[in-house]
Amino acid sequence: MRILFLCKRQYTGKDLLDDRYGRLYELPAELAMLGHQVAGLCLSYRPREQGPSLTRTPKKNQVAWSSVNLGPFILPGLLRYFRKLKEIINDFHPDLIVAGSDALHCIFGQRIAEKHHLPCVLDLYDNFESFGLTLVPGISPLFRKAVAKAEGITCVSAQLERHVLTNYRPRGMVTTIVNAIPAELFQGKDKMIARQKLGLPAEAKLIGTAGALSKNRGIKTLIEAYNELAAHDPTIHLVLAGPQEPTIKLANDPKIHYLGELPYSEIPFLFSALDVGIICNVDSGFGRFCFPQKAYEMMACNLPVVAAGVGTMAELLSAFPEQLFSPGDVTGLVRAIRGQLTNPRQPEIPIVTWPQQAQKLLSFIEKIRP
């Protein structure tokens, strides 16, 4: 089968082609590894090198990606994008289009597929209507129309699937394909070696997280919980990694270790170095429907976790209520962290990998285009 992916280039703080990261990279790559011909076109909202890029070895399993810059004036960039898309369709002759990453690409994908009489699957890795892009007049209704008309919809969480079925009334099939991990990367490391590698204290009790350090992800709750914990136990340190929102101010505290934006290959060392990993979130249009990939990443590194009890994590850890706290509840987070420090518990939850999710996506696609 010839499958064409359409998406943006930068997402979740990473670059699809430069970092070879996450869902938008892994699913096409794994479909190619299964023997299918896969091509992709990504629109870069930031200046990047344009042109073809092959993203997987051995050669027979490469994904033929192309990249076009949107540019500062938008319209010329969109014209370049659609010219390149027309060229790819004429040369590649796709059997099916998979589009996602934001509302704009869902609109583009569904319309282009319809124009060329191709089936279209829209991949919703988040609630795209919670993104700032849908504040642009007209984008939200066009997105909803695209979802309603697409032959298939894949959702990142069961909560998002229910939301789509209830609010968008899609004509096509809908399924859930959660985020996963590259199993060859996320494995537990020796704790002392990991701490030494990252310059962290060997004997401290380390709590922390990785990811966007922003108000809308609930990071302030974690900082306040750390302050309360550290006031009673000076051996507790806080470790943070990821892009820091300007409104998030970290105190000049030698027991707060901000590691910046670590390369993805070093995240397993961070999660192996910690004693408790915290998955922060808020009860919002984003938090209720997202699937925190770091949950599987932490668990794969044998890290005891504590999570905000909203959306997917509330269901995933429903049998382990002591590991959940209500979003924004500092006291509840303190209690959960203390519990995991005193009596660490690993929930027996199967860790999902990208090859498994690619096989699930392929089975879904084959129902749409046998």
Protein backbone atom coordinates (compact mmCIF):
# COMPACT_ATOMS: atom_id res chain seq x y z
CA MET A 1 0.00 0.00 0.00
CA ARG A 2 1.17 3.57 -0.73
CA ILE A 3 0.41 5.86 2.22
CA LEU A 4 0.92 9.64 2.28
CA PHE A 5 1.23 11.47 5.61
CA LEU A 6 0.52 15.22 5.93
CA CYS A 7 1.47 17.08 9.12
CA LYS A 8 3.33 20.03 10.58
CA ARG A 9 7.03 19.72 11.29
CA GLN A 10 7.34 21.07 14.85
CA TYR A 11 5.23 19.62 17.65
CA THR A 12 5.47 19.00 21.41
CA GLY A 13 8.67 21.04 21.46
CA LYS A 14 10.44 18.77 18.96
CA ASP A 15 11.19 18.77 15.23
CA LEU A 16 9.89 15.76 13.30
CA LEU A 17 12.86 15.50 10.93
CA ASP A 18 15.68 16.89 13.07
CA ASP A 19 14.77 15.00 16.24
CA ARG A 20 13.04 11.97 14.65
CA TYR A 21 10.66 12.04 17.55
CA GLY A 22 7.25 10.80 18.56
CA ARG A 23 4.02 9.81 16.91
CA LEU A 24 4.41 11.73 13.64
CA TYR A 25 7.80 10.12 13.05
CA GLU A 26 7.29 6.66 14.50
CA LEU A 27 4.00 5.59 12.91
CA PRO A 28 5.06 6.28 9.30
CA ALA A 29 8.47 4.70 9.96
CA GLU A 30 6.94 1.55 11.42
CA LEU A 31 4.48 1.24 8.53
CA ALA A 32 7.46 1.38 6.17
CA MET A 33 9.17 -1.32 8.25
CA LEU A 34 6.06 -3.46 7.65
CA GLY A 35 6.78 -3.27 3.93
CA HIS A 36 4.50 -0.45 2.78
CA GLN A 37 5.56 2.52 0.64
CA VAL A 38 5.30 5.62 2.81
CA ALA A 39 5.83 9.27 1.93
CA GLY A 40 5.23 12.41 3.94
CA LEU A 41 4.99 16.17 3.49
CA CYS A 42 5.42 18.43 6.49
CA LEU A 43 4.83 22.16 6.69
CA SER A 44 7.41 23.89 8.87
CA TYR A 45 6.17 26.88 10.84
CA ARG A 46 9.82 27.81 11.53
CA PRO A 47 12.68 28.33 9.04
CA ARG A 48 14.28 24.94 8.33
CA GLU A 49 16.19 23.30 5.51
CA GLN A 50 13.67 22.38 2.84
CA GLY A 51 13.55 19.47 0.44
CA PRO A 52 13.61 15.67 0.64
CA SER A 53 14.66 13.76 3.75
CA LEU A 54 14.90 9.99 4.24
CA THR A 55 14.27 8.98 7.82
CA ARG A 56 14.85 5.29 8.36
CA THR A 57 17.44 2.65 7.49
CA PRO A 58 17.87 0.10 5.98
CA LYS A 59 17.26 1.78 2.63
CA LYS A 60 14.26 -0.35 1.67
CA ASN A 61 12.39 0.87 4.77
CA GLN A 62 12.95 4.60 4.37
CA VAL A 63 10.11 7.11 4.58
CA ALA A 64 10.34 9.73 1.83
CA TRP A 65 9.67 12.97 3.73
CA SER A 66 9.62 16.42 2.14
CA SER A 67 9.52 19.72 3.99
CA VAL A 68 8.22 23.16 2.98
CA ASN A 69 8.64 26.31 5.05
CA LEU A 70 5.52 28.40 5.67
CA GLY A 71 7.58 31.58 5.83
CA PRO A 72 6.72 34.97 7.34
CA PHE A 73 4.15 35.98 4.69
CA ILE A 74 2.15 32.72 4.87
CA LEU A 75 0.41 32.85 1.47
CA PRO A 76 3.58 32.26 -0.64
CA GLY A 77 4.48 29.41 1.71
CA LEU A 78 1.05 27.82 1.32
CA LEU A 79 1.32 28.09 -2.46
CA ARG A 80 4.71 26.33 -2.34
CA TYR A 81 3.22 23.69 -0.07
CA PHE A 82 0.29 22.91 -2.38
CA ARG A 83 2.55 22.81 -5.44
CA LYS A 84 4.78 20.30 -3.67
CA LEU A 85 1.76 18.30 -2.52
CA LYS A 86 0.41 18.13 -6.08
CA GLU A 87 3.83 16.96 -7.29
CA ILE A 88 4.00 14.21 -4.65
CA ILE A 89 0.48 12.96 -5.41
CA ASN A 90 1.24 12.85 -9.15
CA ASP A 91 4.55 11.01 -8.65
CA PHE A 92 3.74 8.81 -5.65
CA HIS A 93 0.11 7.90 -6.48
CA PRO A 94 -0.99 7.31 -2.85
CA ASP A 95 -3.72 4.83 -2.03
CA LEU A 96 -4.67 6.72 1.14
CA ILE A 97 -3.86 9.97 2.96
CA VAL A 98 -3.26 10.21 6.71
CA ALA A 99 -3.37 13.81 7.98
CA GLY A 100 -3.05 15.29 11.45
CA SER A 101 -0.96 17.33 13.89
CA ASP A 102 -3.35 20.30 14.00
CA ALA A 103 -6.70 21.49 12.68
CA LEU A 104 -5.18 23.07 9.56
CA HIS A 105 -3.61 19.83 8.37
CA CYS A 106 -6.82 17.92 9.01
CA ILE A 107 -8.66 20.44 6.80
CA PHE A 108 -5.99 20.23 4.09
CA GLY A 109 -5.81 16.45 4.21
CA GLN A 110 -9.53 15.80 3.98
CA ARG A 111 -10.04 18.29 1.14
CA ILE A 112 -7.07 17.06 -0.90
CA ALA A 113 -8.12 13.43 -0.42
CA GLU A 114 -11.67 14.25 -1.51
CA LYS A 115 -10.39 16.13 -4.58
CA HIS A 116 -8.29 13.14 -5.67
CA HIS A 117 -10.96 10.55 -4.74
CA LEU A 118 -8.78 9.03 -2.02
CA PRO A 119 -9.79 7.79 1.43
CA CYS A 120 -8.59 9.97 4.29
CA VAL A 121 -7.72 9.13 7.90
CA LEU A 122 -7.38 12.04 10.34
CA ASP A 123 -5.02 11.38 13.25
CA LEU A 124 -6.02 13.42 16.31
CA TYR A 125 -3.07 13.21 18.72
CA ASP A 126 -4.68 15.92 20.87
CA ASN A 127 -7.88 17.90 21.14
CA PHE A 128 -6.95 20.24 18.30
CA GLU A 129 -9.71 22.66 19.22
CA SER A 130 -7.71 23.46 22.38
CA PHE A 131 -4.84 24.75 20.18
CA GLY A 132 -4.48 28.48 19.55
CA LEU A 133 -4.82 27.94 15.80
CA THR A 134 -8.56 27.33 16.15
CA LEU A 135 -8.98 30.89 17.42
CA VAL A 136 -8.49 32.01 13.81
CA PRO A 137 -12.00 32.71 12.46
CA GLY A 138 -13.34 29.86 10.37
CA ILE A 139 -10.76 27.23 11.35
CA SER A 140 -12.86 25.48 14.00
CA PRO A 141 -15.98 24.89 11.84
CA LEU A 142 -13.83 23.76 8.90
CA PHE A 143 -12.00 21.35 11.19
CA ARG A 144 -15.25 19.91 12.51
CA LYS A 145 -16.50 19.49 8.95
CA ALA A 146 -13.29 17.67 7.98
CA VAL A 147 -13.63 15.28 10.93
CA ALA A 148 -17.26 14.61 10.06
CA LYS A 149 -16.44 13.78 6.43
CA ALA A 150 -13.22 11.72 6.81
CA GLU A 151 -13.36 7.97 6.20
CA GLY A 152 -11.42 7.28 9.39
CA ILE A 153 -10.47 9.02 12.64
CA THR A 154 -7.73 7.87 15.02
CA CYS A 155 -7.73 9.40 18.51
CA VAL A 156 -4.91 9.54 21.04
CA SER A 157 -7.14 8.58 23.96
CA ALA A 158 -10.43 6.87 24.70
CA GLN A 159 -11.63 10.16 26.20
CA LEU A 160 -10.95 11.97 22.93
CA GLU A 161 -12.69 9.21 20.95
CA ARG A 162 -15.82 9.63 23.05
CA HIS A 163 -15.61 13.41 22.59
CA VAL A 164 -15.31 13.05 18.81
CA LEU A 165 -18.22 10.61 18.57
CA THR A 166 -20.45 12.84 20.69
CA ASN A 167 -19.57 16.27 19.32
CA TYR A 168 -18.46 15.78 15.71
CA ARG A 169 -20.71 12.88 14.62
CA PRO A 170 -18.18 11.49 12.12
CA ARG A 171 -19.43 9.45 9.18
CA GLY A 172 -16.32 7.31 9.08
CA MET A 173 -14.89 4.74 11.49
CA VAL A 174 -13.24 5.89 14.72
CA THR A 175 -10.65 4.16 16.89
CA THR A 176 -8.16 4.93 19.64
CA ILE A 177 -4.41 4.65 19.03
CA VAL A 178 -2.58 5.86 22.12
CA ASN A 179 0.94 7.22 22.23
CA ALA A 180 3.70 4.67 22.77
CA ILE A 181 7.44 4.41 23.35
CA PRO A 182 10.48 3.26 21.41
CA ALA A 183 11.18 0.16 23.52
CA GLU A 184 14.84 0.01 22.49
CA LEU A 185 15.41 3.43 24.09
CA PHE A 186 13.27 3.41 27.23
CA GLN A 187 14.80 0.90 29.59
CA GLY A 188 15.85 1.32 33.21
CA LYS A 189 19.46 2.45 33.79
CA ASP A 190 21.60 2.12 36.88
CA LYS A 191 20.40 4.90 39.23
CA MET A 192 23.87 6.02 40.37
CA ILE A 193 25.28 6.03 36.84
CA ALA A 194 22.27 8.03 35.64
CA ARG A 195 22.68 10.59 38.42
CA GLN A 196 26.38 10.93 37.74
CA LYS A 197 25.75 11.42 34.02
CA LEU A 198 23.27 14.24 34.67
CA GLY A 199 25.24 15.84 37.52
CA LEU A 200 22.60 15.07 40.15
CA PRO A 201 23.30 14.37 43.84
CA ALA A 202 23.88 10.69 44.55
CA GLU A 203 22.18 10.43 47.94
CA ALA A 204 19.24 12.83 47.65
CA LYS A 205 15.58 11.87 47.22
CA LEU A 206 14.88 13.10 43.71
CA ILE A 207 11.39 13.92 42.48
CA GLY A 208 10.67 15.53 39.14
CA THR A 209 9.40 15.49 35.60
CA ALA A 210 10.24 16.25 31.97
CA GLY A 211 8.20 18.10 29.40
CA ALA A 212 6.70 21.55 28.95
CA LEU A 213 7.16 23.55 32.17
CA SER A 214 4.13 25.75 31.81
CA LYS A 215 1.16 27.01 33.76
CA ASN A 216 -1.34 25.17 31.56
CA ARG A 217 0.38 21.87 32.35
CA GLY A 218 0.11 22.37 36.12
CA ILE A 219 3.81 22.76 36.85
CA LYS A 220 3.17 25.38 39.54
CA THR A 221 1.39 22.73 41.61
CA LEU A 222 4.54 20.59 41.53
CA ILE A 223 6.77 23.50 42.54
CA GLU A 224 4.50 24.35 45.48
CA ALA A 225 4.38 20.70 46.53
CA TYR A 226 8.18 20.51 46.42
CA ASN A 227 8.45 23.61 48.63
CA GLU A 228 6.20 21.99 51.23
CA LEU A 229 8.05 18.66 51.07
CA ALA A 230 11.50 20.25 51.27
CA ALA A 231 10.49 22.34 54.28
CA HIS A 232 10.02 19.11 56.26
CA ASP A 233 12.66 16.92 54.59
CA PRO A 234 15.83 18.67 53.33
CA THR A 235 16.97 15.53 51.51
CA ILE A 236 14.23 16.00 48.88
CA HIS A 237 15.35 17.68 45.66
CA LEU A 238 13.35 18.72 42.59
CA VAL A 239 14.58 17.89 39.07
CA LEU A 240 13.01 19.49 35.99
CA ALA A 241 13.75 19.21 32.28
CA GLY A 242 12.01 20.79 29.30
CA PRO A 243 11.14 24.15 27.76
CA GLN A 244 10.39 26.69 30.48
CA GLU A 245 7.53 29.15 30.08
CA PRO A 246 8.61 32.72 31.00
CA THR A 247 5.88 32.95 33.65
CA ILE A 248 7.38 29.96 35.49
CA LYS A 249 10.02 31.31 37.84
CA LEU A 250 12.25 28.82 39.65
CA ALA A 251 13.63 29.88 43.02
CA ASN A 252 17.39 30.24 43.46
CA ASP A 253 17.47 26.99 45.40
CA PRO A 254 20.47 24.64 45.15
CA LYS A 255 18.06 21.71 45.57
CA ILE A 256 16.13 22.63 42.41
CA HIS A 257 17.95 21.18 39.42
CA TYR A 258 16.83 22.55 36.04
CA LEU A 259 18.46 20.51 33.29
CA GLY A 260 17.18 22.52 30.34
CA GLU A 261 15.89 20.74 27.25
CA LEU A 262 17.58 17.36 27.29
CA PRO A 263 18.09 15.37 24.09
CA TYR A 264 15.41 12.70 23.82
CA SER A 265 18.09 10.00 24.12
CA GLU A 266 18.92 11.26 27.64
CA ILE A 267 15.37 11.18 29.02
CA PRO A 268 15.71 7.49 30.07
CA PHE A 269 18.70 8.52 32.21
CA LEU A 270 16.60 11.23 33.87
CA PHE A 271 13.74 8.86 34.63
CA SER A 272 16.20 6.27 35.94
CA ALA A 273 17.82 8.89 38.20
CA LEU A 274 14.57 9.95 39.89
CA ASP A 275 12.89 8.33 42.90
CA VAL A 276 9.40 9.55 41.93
CA GLY A 277 8.21 10.85 38.56
CA ILE A 278 5.34 13.34 38.49
CA ILE A 279 2.91 13.74 35.58
CA CYS A 280 1.36 17.16 35.95
CA ASN A 281 -1.76 18.36 34.17
CA VAL A 282 -4.79 20.59 34.57
CA ASP A 283 -8.48 19.97 34.02
CA SER A 284 -8.76 21.70 30.65
CA GLY A 285 -9.65 21.07 27.02
CA PHE A 286 -6.11 19.82 26.60
CA GLY A 287 -5.70 17.90 29.84
CA ARG A 288 -8.97 15.97 29.59
CA PHE A 289 -8.15 14.44 26.19
CA CYS A 290 -4.36 14.15 25.89
CA PHE A 291 -2.33 10.99 26.42
CA PRO A 292 0.84 11.77 28.44
CA GLN A 293 3.49 9.72 26.66
CA LYS A 294 5.83 10.26 29.60
CA ALA A 295 3.64 7.91 31.67
CA TYR A 296 4.78 4.91 29.61
CA GLU A 297 8.32 6.31 29.40
CA MET A 298 8.57 6.56 33.19
CA MET A 299 7.05 3.14 33.80
CA ALA A 300 9.37 1.54 31.24
CA CYS A 301 12.30 2.94 33.24
CA ASN A 302 10.86 1.35 36.44
CA LEU A 303 10.13 4.77 37.93
CA PRO A 304 7.31 5.01 40.51
CA VAL A 305 4.84 7.64 39.28
CA VAL A 306 2.32 10.12 40.63
CA ALA A 307 -0.16 11.72 38.22
CA ALA A 308 -2.87 14.35 38.05
CA GLY A 309 -6.17 12.48 38.08
CA VAL A 310 -7.61 13.84 34.86
CA GLY A 311 -8.35 12.25 31.50
CA THR A 312 -6.31 9.21 30.53
CA MET A 313 -4.24 9.06 33.72
CA ALA A 314 -7.36 8.93 35.90
CA GLU A 315 -8.44 5.79 34.02
CA LEU A 316 -4.97 4.27 33.61
CA LEU A 317 -4.28 4.48 37.35
CA SER A 318 -7.86 3.95 38.54
CA ALA A 319 -6.79 0.82 40.46
CA PHE A 320 -4.02 2.82 42.18
CA PRO A 321 -5.80 5.87 43.66
CA GLU A 322 -2.91 6.55 46.03
CA GLN A 323 -0.84 7.52 42.97
CA LEU A 324 -3.34 10.14 41.81
CA PHE A 325 -3.97 13.72 42.93
CA SER A 326 -6.62 16.20 41.89
CA PRO A 327 -5.30 18.82 39.42
CA GLY A 328 -4.13 21.87 41.37
CA ASP A 329 -4.32 20.08 44.73
CA VAL A 330 -0.94 20.72 46.37
CA THR A 331 -1.84 18.82 49.53
CA GLY A 332 -2.94 15.79 47.53
CA LEU A 333 0.25 15.84 45.46
CA VAL A 334 2.40 16.07 48.61
CA ARG A 335 0.56 13.09 50.08
CA ALA A 336 0.98 11.02 46.90
CA ILE A 337 4.71 11.81 46.60
CA ARG A 338 5.34 10.95 50.25
CA GLY A 339 3.53 7.65 49.72
CA GLN A 340 5.70 6.74 46.75
CA LEU A 341 8.90 7.77 48.56
CA THR A 342 7.96 5.69 51.60
CA ASN A 343 6.43 2.70 49.84
CA PRO A 344 7.20 2.85 46.10
CA ARG A 345 4.73 0.94 43.96
CA GLN A 346 4.90 0.01 40.30
CA PRO A 347 1.49 -0.51 38.69
CA GLU A 348 1.34 -3.63 36.51
CA ILE A 349 0.31 -1.86 33.31
CA PRO A 350 1.38 -3.14 29.87
CA ILE A 351 3.71 -0.69 28.12
CA VAL A 352 2.64 -0.01 24.54
CA THR A 353 5.31 0.24 21.81
CA TRP A 354 5.25 1.95 18.41
CA PRO A 355 5.39 -1.28 16.36
CA GLN A 356 2.23 -2.43 18.16
CA GLN A 357 0.47 0.85 17.43
CA ALA A 358 1.57 0.85 13.78
CA GLN A 359 0.08 -2.63 13.39
CA LYS A 360 -3.15 -1.36 14.93
CA LEU A 361 -3.16 1.62 12.56
CA LEU A 362 -2.54 -0.68 9.59
CA SER A 363 -5.44 -2.94 10.57
CA PHE A 364 -7.67 0.14 10.80
CA ILE A 365 -6.50 1.43 7.41
CA GLU A 366 -7.12 -1.94 5.79
CA LYS A 367 -10.77 -1.79 6.89
CA ILE A 368 -11.08 1.54 5.11
CA ARG A 369 -9.13 0.53 2.01
CA PRO A 370 -9.04 -3.28 1.77
